[in-house]
Amino acid sequence: MALETSQSNTPQATPFTREGLSVSMQLESSDRRTQGPMLLELAHSIQSMLHKEPPPPPQPAMGFFTDTSLCIGCKACEVACKQWNQLPARDPVWTGSSYDNTGQLTAITWRHVQFIEQVGRRDGGGALHSGIDSEITQARSDGTIPLTPPGTALPFFNTERWLMMSDVCKHCAHAPCQEACPTGALIRTEFDTVYVQQDICNGCGYCVVACPFGVIMRDDYGDYQAHKCTLCYDRMKDGLEPACAKACPTDSIQFGEVEQLKAHARERLGLLHEREVTEARLYGVDDNILDGGLNSFFLLLDEPEVYNLPQNPQRPSKNVIPASLWTIVAAAVMGLFGIFIFKK
C-alpha cells in the first residue's frame, strides 16, 4: 500500500506539464536536426533537375548523299544499321516485290534497300529507251554480243533493268515530324540532324502522320514509341561516319558536310548527263522541297514516284492557319444561322 501511495503521488510527464513540454521540445529539436539535411538534399536534387547544361557548340550540317546509280542492292547498309543500333530483326517474308524482303522503313528498320524491276522499258512513242534497239542490232552485227545471248544479255544491251535505292530518313531542314511533336521529343542536334529523345516521346504518333516520306514509325510491338534513323549521332560525336556509309562497298551512300555533298552531287549529275544518262536527276538538293531541302538527298535514275518519293511533299504546318480561319468562318456562319432560326 505504501508503494502504491508513493507511485500515485509521483507527478506524470504529460504534454501539459513542465516535464512533458521539455520532452516535446527536445523531440522537435531532434526532428529539425534530422529534417534539415533532408530538405537541403531535396533542394539540391531539384536544382540539379532544373539546371540546364550549355548546348554543344554548333557543327557544320551533316547528311547523306545516296547515289542510286552506284547501288548494287547488297543490303550491307541494312545489316550495318541493325548491328550498330542493336535493332531487332523479324523473320524475312516474301513480299512479292523482287528481292525486297524488308518492305519499308519501320521503327526497327532504319535503312531499306528498294528493288524496282523495270521490264521492257519503252518511251511514250513506243521506241526503246535511248535507241537501244539500234544499239542491239549494231552489237549483234559486229559480234559484240551473240545473236542469241547465253542466259542473260549484257545490261548495256538490254531493255530490262533494276533500280535500287537505299532509303533512309531525309533529316529535312524543316522537318514536319519535329513541327508536329507536342512533347519536344524531336530535336535538332548540333549537326543539324533530327533526333528522337526516347525518354520524352509519349508515343502519340503525330510525327508518323506528319512525315510526308513515311519514315518515322511507332513500334507497336515494343515500347510504343517513335523511332527512326539518328544518322548515327553517337558515332558522329566521336568523329566517325555512320555505320551504313562505312559498310557501303560502292560508296553509293556518302556521308559528309551537306554543302560539300551537294556540290559533289551536282558534279556527279553532270558526269552522268555527259555519258548520256539523261534520265538522271537530283532529289532534295534544292530548297524547293519542304522550304529548305533535305540533308539526306538522292541521285535518281527515274521519276521520284518510281522510288516511292513524293514529287512535291507538303509541310502540314502550312495548313494550320487556313484550317483555323475556315473553322472560325464556319463557326460564325453556324452562329448566325442559329440566331436567324431562333428569331423565327
Protein backbone atom coordinates (compact mmCIF):
# COMPACT_ATOMS: atom_id res chain seq x y z
CA MET A 1 0.00 0.00 0.00
CA ALA A 2 2.85 2.36 0.82
CA LEU A 3 4.41 1.56 -2.57
CA GLU A 4 1.15 2.26 -4.36
CA THR A 5 0.76 5.55 -2.47
CA SER A 6 4.25 6.69 -3.38
CA GLN A 7 3.69 5.82 -7.05
CA SER A 8 0.40 7.63 -7.16
CA ASN A 9 1.98 10.76 -5.65
CA THR A 10 4.69 10.87 -8.39
CA PRO A 11 3.75 13.53 -10.99
CA GLN A 12 3.24 12.15 -14.55
CA ALA A 13 5.03 13.75 -17.52
CA THR A 14 2.20 14.82 -19.83
CA PRO A 15 2.18 17.42 -22.61
CA PHE A 16 0.50 19.81 -20.17
CA THR A 17 3.22 19.60 -17.51
CA ARG A 18 6.60 21.30 -17.44
CA GLU A 19 8.43 17.98 -17.87
CA GLY A 20 6.24 16.94 -20.82
CA LEU A 21 6.76 20.29 -22.52
CA SER A 22 10.51 19.91 -22.16
CA VAL A 23 10.45 16.41 -23.65
CA SER A 24 8.34 17.51 -26.64
CA MET A 25 10.66 20.46 -27.31
CA GLN A 26 13.66 18.11 -27.29
CA LEU A 27 11.92 15.81 -29.77
CA GLU A 28 11.08 18.73 -32.08
CA SER A 29 14.67 19.90 -31.90
CA SER A 30 15.96 16.45 -32.87
CA ASP A 31 13.42 16.25 -35.72
CA ARG A 32 14.61 19.61 -37.04
CA ARG A 33 18.22 18.46 -36.92
CA THR A 34 17.36 15.35 -38.98
CA GLN A 35 14.98 17.11 -41.36
CA GLY A 36 17.41 19.92 -42.15
CA PRO A 37 19.87 17.82 -44.18
CA MET A 38 17.00 16.00 -45.86
CA LEU A 39 15.41 19.26 -47.03
CA LEU A 40 18.79 20.55 -48.16
CA GLU A 41 19.39 17.37 -50.16
CA LEU A 42 15.93 17.66 -51.72
CA ALA A 43 16.61 21.28 -52.69
CA HIS A 44 19.90 20.28 -54.32
CA SER A 45 18.21 17.48 -56.28
CA ILE A 46 15.50 19.85 -57.55
CA GLN A 47 18.12 22.41 -58.50
CA SER A 48 20.12 19.78 -60.40
CA MET A 49 16.97 18.73 -62.27
CA LEU A 50 16.24 22.30 -63.30
CA HIS A 51 19.85 23.02 -64.21
CA LYS A 52 20.46 23.03 -67.96
CA GLU A 53 23.80 22.11 -69.38
CA PRO A 54 25.13 24.51 -72.02
CA PRO A 55 24.35 23.25 -75.54
CA PRO A 56 27.20 21.75 -77.54
CA PRO A 57 28.86 24.12 -79.99
CA PRO A 58 27.24 24.09 -83.44
CA GLN A 59 28.87 21.98 -86.10
CA PRO A 60 28.57 22.01 -89.90
CA ALA A 61 25.33 20.42 -91.12
CA MET A 62 25.96 16.74 -91.86
CA GLY A 63 23.97 14.43 -94.08
CA PHE A 64 23.86 11.68 -96.70
CA PHE A 65 24.16 11.73 -100.47
CA THR A 66 22.78 8.47 -101.88
CA ASP A 67 23.81 7.84 -105.50
CA THR A 68 21.37 5.21 -106.75
CA SER A 69 23.41 4.73 -109.94
CA LEU A 70 26.06 3.04 -107.78
CA CYS A 71 23.77 0.93 -105.58
CA ILE A 72 24.09 -2.83 -106.18
CA GLY A 73 21.40 -3.89 -103.68
CA CYS A 74 23.78 -5.80 -101.40
CA LYS A 75 21.94 -4.62 -98.25
CA ALA A 76 25.20 -4.13 -96.36
CA CYS A 77 23.80 -0.82 -95.13
CA GLU A 78 20.71 -2.54 -93.70
CA VAL A 79 22.80 -5.07 -91.81
CA ALA A 80 25.31 -2.49 -90.54
CA CYS A 81 22.49 -0.22 -89.34
CA LYS A 82 20.78 -3.00 -87.41
CA GLN A 83 24.04 -4.26 -85.96
CA TRP A 84 25.32 -0.90 -84.73
CA ASN A 85 21.99 0.34 -83.37
CA GLN A 86 21.11 -3.10 -81.94
CA LEU A 87 17.78 -3.16 -83.74
CA PRO A 88 15.81 -6.41 -83.62
CA ALA A 89 15.09 -8.31 -86.82
CA ARG A 90 11.90 -10.07 -87.80
CA ASP A 91 11.68 -13.22 -89.88
CA PRO A 92 12.01 -12.34 -93.58
CA VAL A 93 8.94 -12.85 -95.73
CA TRP A 94 8.32 -12.91 -99.45
CA THR A 95 6.81 -9.54 -100.22
CA GLY A 96 6.33 -10.28 -103.92
CA SER A 97 8.42 -7.22 -104.75
CA SER A 98 11.62 -8.64 -106.21
CA TYR A 99 14.29 -9.37 -103.61
CA ASP A 100 12.91 -6.78 -101.22
CA ASN A 101 12.04 -8.69 -98.05
CA THR A 102 12.19 -5.60 -95.81
CA GLY A 103 9.20 -3.91 -97.36
CA GLN A 104 9.54 -0.43 -95.93
CA LEU A 105 11.15 1.72 -93.26
CA THR A 106 9.84 0.84 -89.80
CA ALA A 107 10.62 1.51 -86.16
CA ILE A 108 13.20 -1.30 -86.27
CA THR A 109 14.36 -0.88 -89.90
CA TRP A 110 16.09 2.45 -90.39
CA ARG A 111 17.63 1.56 -93.78
CA HIS A 112 15.58 -0.02 -96.56
CA VAL A 113 17.00 -1.10 -99.91
CA GLN A 114 14.37 -0.87 -102.62
CA PHE A 115 14.40 -3.20 -105.64
CA ILE A 116 12.43 -1.77 -108.56
CA GLU A 117 12.24 -4.03 -111.62
CA GLN A 118 11.59 -2.38 -114.97
CA VAL A 119 10.98 -4.93 -117.71
CA GLY A 120 10.51 -3.94 -121.36
CA ARG A 121 11.01 -0.23 -120.77
CA ARG A 122 9.61 1.92 -123.54
CA ASP A 123 9.18 5.61 -124.19
CA GLY A 124 5.82 7.20 -124.80
CA GLY A 125 6.23 6.79 -128.57
CA GLY A 126 6.81 3.04 -128.30
CA ALA A 127 10.53 3.17 -129.08
CA LEU A 128 13.02 1.56 -126.74
CA HIS A 129 14.99 3.83 -124.40
CA SER A 130 17.92 5.79 -125.90
CA GLY A 131 17.87 3.93 -129.20
CA ILE A 132 18.61 0.63 -127.51
CA ASP A 133 17.06 -1.27 -130.43
CA SER A 134 19.62 0.06 -132.94
CA GLU A 135 22.45 -0.49 -130.44
CA ILE A 136 21.50 -4.14 -130.02
CA THR A 137 21.36 -4.62 -133.81
CA GLN A 138 24.74 -2.98 -134.25
CA ALA A 139 26.27 -5.02 -131.41
CA ARG A 140 25.00 -8.25 -132.94
CA SER A 141 26.26 -7.36 -136.41
CA ASP A 142 29.80 -6.64 -135.26
CA GLY A 143 29.92 -9.65 -132.94
CA THR A 144 29.96 -7.75 -129.65
CA ILE A 145 27.11 -9.90 -128.41
CA PRO A 146 25.89 -13.20 -129.89
CA LEU A 147 22.68 -13.39 -131.84
CA THR A 148 21.20 -15.47 -129.00
CA PRO A 149 22.54 -14.18 -125.66
CA PRO A 150 23.58 -17.08 -123.39
CA GLY A 151 21.30 -16.90 -120.38
CA THR A 152 21.35 -13.17 -119.76
CA ALA A 153 22.31 -10.27 -122.00
CA LEU A 154 24.70 -7.55 -121.02
CA PRO A 155 22.83 -4.78 -119.17
CA PHE A 156 24.04 -2.17 -121.68
CA PHE A 157 22.25 -4.04 -124.47
CA ASN A 158 19.08 -4.91 -122.62
CA THR A 159 15.81 -3.11 -122.06
CA GLU A 160 15.34 -4.55 -118.58
CA ARG A 161 16.91 -3.01 -115.52
CA TRP A 162 16.70 -2.91 -111.74
CA LEU A 163 16.58 0.37 -109.92
CA MET A 164 17.99 0.06 -106.42
CA MET A 165 17.96 2.69 -103.71
CA SER A 166 18.85 2.62 -100.04
CA ASP A 167 16.09 4.67 -98.45
CA VAL A 168 16.59 6.46 -95.12
CA CYS A 169 15.34 9.39 -93.06
CA LYS A 170 15.76 12.62 -95.00
CA HIS A 171 16.64 14.79 -91.94
CA CYS A 172 14.68 17.65 -93.50
CA ALA A 173 15.85 21.20 -92.99
CA HIS A 174 12.27 21.95 -91.87
CA ALA A 175 11.17 18.58 -90.54
CA PRO A 176 7.36 18.14 -90.39
CA CYS A 177 7.75 15.44 -87.75
CA GLN A 178 9.54 17.89 -85.46
CA GLU A 179 6.91 20.55 -86.06
CA ALA A 180 4.13 18.11 -85.13
CA CYS A 181 5.76 16.72 -81.95
CA PRO A 182 3.81 18.00 -78.89
CA THR A 183 6.38 16.98 -76.25
CA GLY A 184 9.62 18.27 -77.77
CA ALA A 185 10.96 14.74 -78.13
CA LEU A 186 12.16 15.51 -81.67
CA ILE A 187 15.07 17.92 -81.65
CA ARG A 188 17.82 19.13 -83.93
CA THR A 189 21.33 18.19 -82.90
CA GLU A 190 24.43 20.32 -83.28
CA PHE A 191 24.96 18.55 -86.64
CA ASP A 192 21.55 19.81 -87.87
CA THR A 193 20.12 16.28 -87.83
CA VAL A 194 16.70 15.28 -86.48
CA TYR A 195 16.92 13.13 -83.36
CA VAL A 196 14.24 11.41 -81.24
CA GLN A 197 14.67 11.64 -77.46
CA GLN A 198 13.21 8.33 -76.38
CA ASP A 199 12.80 9.34 -72.72
CA ILE A 200 10.49 12.20 -73.76
CA CYS A 201 8.49 10.54 -76.54
CA ASN A 202 4.98 9.64 -75.39
CA GLY A 203 4.08 7.58 -78.44
CA CYS A 204 1.28 9.87 -79.61
CA GLY A 205 2.07 9.17 -83.28
CA TYR A 206 1.63 12.75 -84.52
CA CYS A 207 5.06 12.62 -86.13
CA VAL A 208 4.12 9.46 -88.00
CA VAL A 209 1.23 11.09 -89.87
CA ALA A 210 3.15 14.36 -90.35
CA CYS A 211 6.13 12.81 -92.17
CA PRO A 212 5.47 13.01 -95.94
CA PHE A 213 8.02 10.27 -96.64
CA GLY A 214 6.68 7.58 -94.31
CA VAL A 215 10.00 7.39 -92.47
CA ILE A 216 9.33 7.66 -88.76
CA MET A 217 7.22 4.89 -87.26
CA ARG A 218 5.92 3.86 -83.86
CA ASP A 219 6.98 0.48 -82.51
CA ASP A 220 3.60 -1.12 -81.90
CA TYR A 221 5.25 -4.42 -80.92
CA GLY A 222 7.75 -2.96 -78.46
CA ASP A 223 7.85 0.24 -76.43
CA TYR A 224 5.12 2.03 -78.46
CA GLN A 225 7.44 4.96 -79.08
CA ALA A 226 8.57 6.57 -82.32
CA HIS A 227 11.90 5.50 -83.81
CA LYS A 228 13.92 6.43 -86.88
CA CYS A 229 17.44 6.93 -88.20
CA THR A 230 19.63 9.03 -85.91
CA LEU A 231 22.34 9.43 -88.56
CA CYS A 232 24.46 7.54 -86.01
CA TYR A 233 24.58 10.54 -83.67
CA ASP A 234 26.76 8.61 -81.21
CA ARG A 235 29.32 7.87 -83.92
CA MET A 236 29.32 11.44 -85.21
CA LYS A 237 30.12 12.77 -81.74
CA ASP A 238 33.24 10.61 -81.81
CA GLY A 239 34.21 11.75 -85.30
CA LEU A 240 33.10 8.53 -87.03
CA GLU A 241 30.94 8.20 -90.11
CA PRO A 242 27.58 6.39 -89.81
CA ALA A 243 27.62 2.62 -89.94
CA CYS A 244 25.69 2.38 -93.23
CA ALA A 245 28.06 4.68 -95.10
CA LYS A 246 31.03 2.86 -93.59
CA ALA A 247 29.74 -0.50 -94.81
CA CYS A 248 28.69 0.55 -98.34
CA PRO A 249 31.11 -1.18 -100.74
CA THR A 250 30.40 1.05 -103.76
CA ASP A 251 30.19 4.43 -102.00
CA SER A 252 26.58 4.71 -103.06
CA ILE A 253 25.97 6.15 -99.57
CA GLN A 254 28.27 9.10 -98.97
CA PHE A 255 28.46 10.98 -95.68
CA GLY A 256 29.81 14.45 -95.06
CA GLU A 257 29.00 18.12 -94.82
CA VAL A 258 25.76 18.89 -96.60
CA GLU A 259 27.12 21.73 -98.74
CA GLN A 260 30.08 19.69 -99.90
CA LEU A 261 27.84 16.72 -100.68
CA LYS A 262 25.50 18.95 -102.71
CA ALA A 263 28.42 20.22 -104.78
CA HIS A 264 29.57 16.65 -105.36
CA ALA A 265 26.03 15.59 -106.29
CA ARG A 266 25.81 18.28 -108.96
CA GLU A 267 29.18 17.21 -110.37
CA ARG A 268 28.05 13.59 -110.47
CA LEU A 269 24.83 14.57 -112.23
CA GLY A 270 26.78 16.49 -114.88
CA LEU A 271 29.04 13.49 -115.44
CA LEU A 272 26.07 11.15 -115.96
CA HIS A 273 24.48 13.60 -118.38
CA GLU A 274 27.75 13.69 -120.35
CA ARG A 275 27.52 9.90 -120.55
CA GLU A 276 24.00 10.26 -121.98
CA VAL A 277 22.23 9.07 -118.85
CA THR A 278 19.72 11.82 -119.43
CA GLU A 279 17.12 10.42 -117.04
CA ALA A 280 19.38 11.07 -114.03
CA ARG A 281 18.14 13.76 -111.67
CA LEU A 282 18.71 15.04 -108.12
CA TYR A 283 16.08 14.87 -105.42
CA GLY A 284 16.18 17.03 -102.29
CA VAL A 285 19.25 19.08 -103.21
CA ASP A 286 17.39 22.30 -103.98
CA ASP A 287 15.50 24.24 -101.33
CA ASN A 288 12.19 23.75 -103.13
CA ILE A 289 11.31 20.63 -101.16
CA LEU A 290 9.79 21.45 -97.77
CA ASP A 291 11.04 25.05 -97.94
CA GLY A 292 14.64 24.21 -97.21
CA GLY A 293 15.65 20.97 -98.88
CA LEU A 294 16.81 17.70 -97.39
CA ASN A 295 20.00 16.91 -95.53
CA SER A 296 19.80 13.39 -96.93
CA PHE A 297 19.25 13.62 -100.67
CA PHE A 298 19.42 11.32 -103.68
CA LEU A 299 20.52 10.96 -107.28
CA LEU A 300 17.73 9.09 -109.07
CA LEU A 301 17.52 7.38 -112.46
CA ASP A 302 13.78 7.87 -112.89
CA GLU A 303 10.87 9.92 -111.61
CA PRO A 304 10.71 10.28 -107.82
CA GLU A 305 7.36 8.47 -107.73
CA VAL A 306 9.05 5.35 -109.08
CA TYR A 307 11.11 5.27 -105.87
CA ASN A 308 8.04 5.97 -103.72
CA LEU A 309 9.15 9.55 -103.15
CA PRO A 310 6.62 12.39 -103.39
CA GLN A 311 7.24 14.89 -106.17
CA ASN A 312 6.25 17.85 -104.02
CA PRO A 313 5.88 16.93 -100.33
CA GLN A 314 3.89 19.31 -98.19
CA ARG A 315 4.50 20.67 -94.71
CA PRO A 316 1.38 20.03 -92.60
CA SER A 317 2.13 23.16 -90.57
CA LYS A 318 1.21 25.25 -93.61
CA ASN A 319 -2.38 24.06 -93.26
CA VAL A 320 -2.78 25.29 -89.68
CA ILE A 321 -3.64 28.92 -90.44
CA PRO A 322 -6.03 28.22 -93.36
CA ALA A 323 -7.77 25.46 -91.42
CA SER A 324 -8.10 27.72 -88.38
CA LEU A 325 -9.57 30.54 -90.49
CA TRP A 326 -12.06 28.20 -92.12
CA THR A 327 -13.02 26.89 -88.67
CA ILE A 328 -13.69 30.44 -87.47
CA VAL A 329 -15.72 31.22 -90.60
CA ALA A 330 -17.74 28.02 -90.22
CA ALA A 331 -18.41 28.77 -86.54
CA ALA A 332 -19.52 32.31 -87.39
CA VAL A 333 -21.85 31.09 -90.15
CA MET A 334 -23.37 28.47 -87.85
CA GLY A 335 -23.81 31.08 -85.14
CA LEU A 336 -25.60 33.48 -87.47
CA PHE A 337 -27.72 30.66 -88.80
CA GLY A 338 -28.70 29.70 -85.26
CA ILE A 339 -29.61 33.28 -84.37
CA PHE A 340 -31.74 33.52 -87.51
CA ILE A 341 -33.54 30.24 -86.74
CA PHE A 342 -34.22 31.16 -83.10
CA LYS A 343 -35.53 34.58 -84.07
CA LYS A 344 -38.20 32.90 -86.13
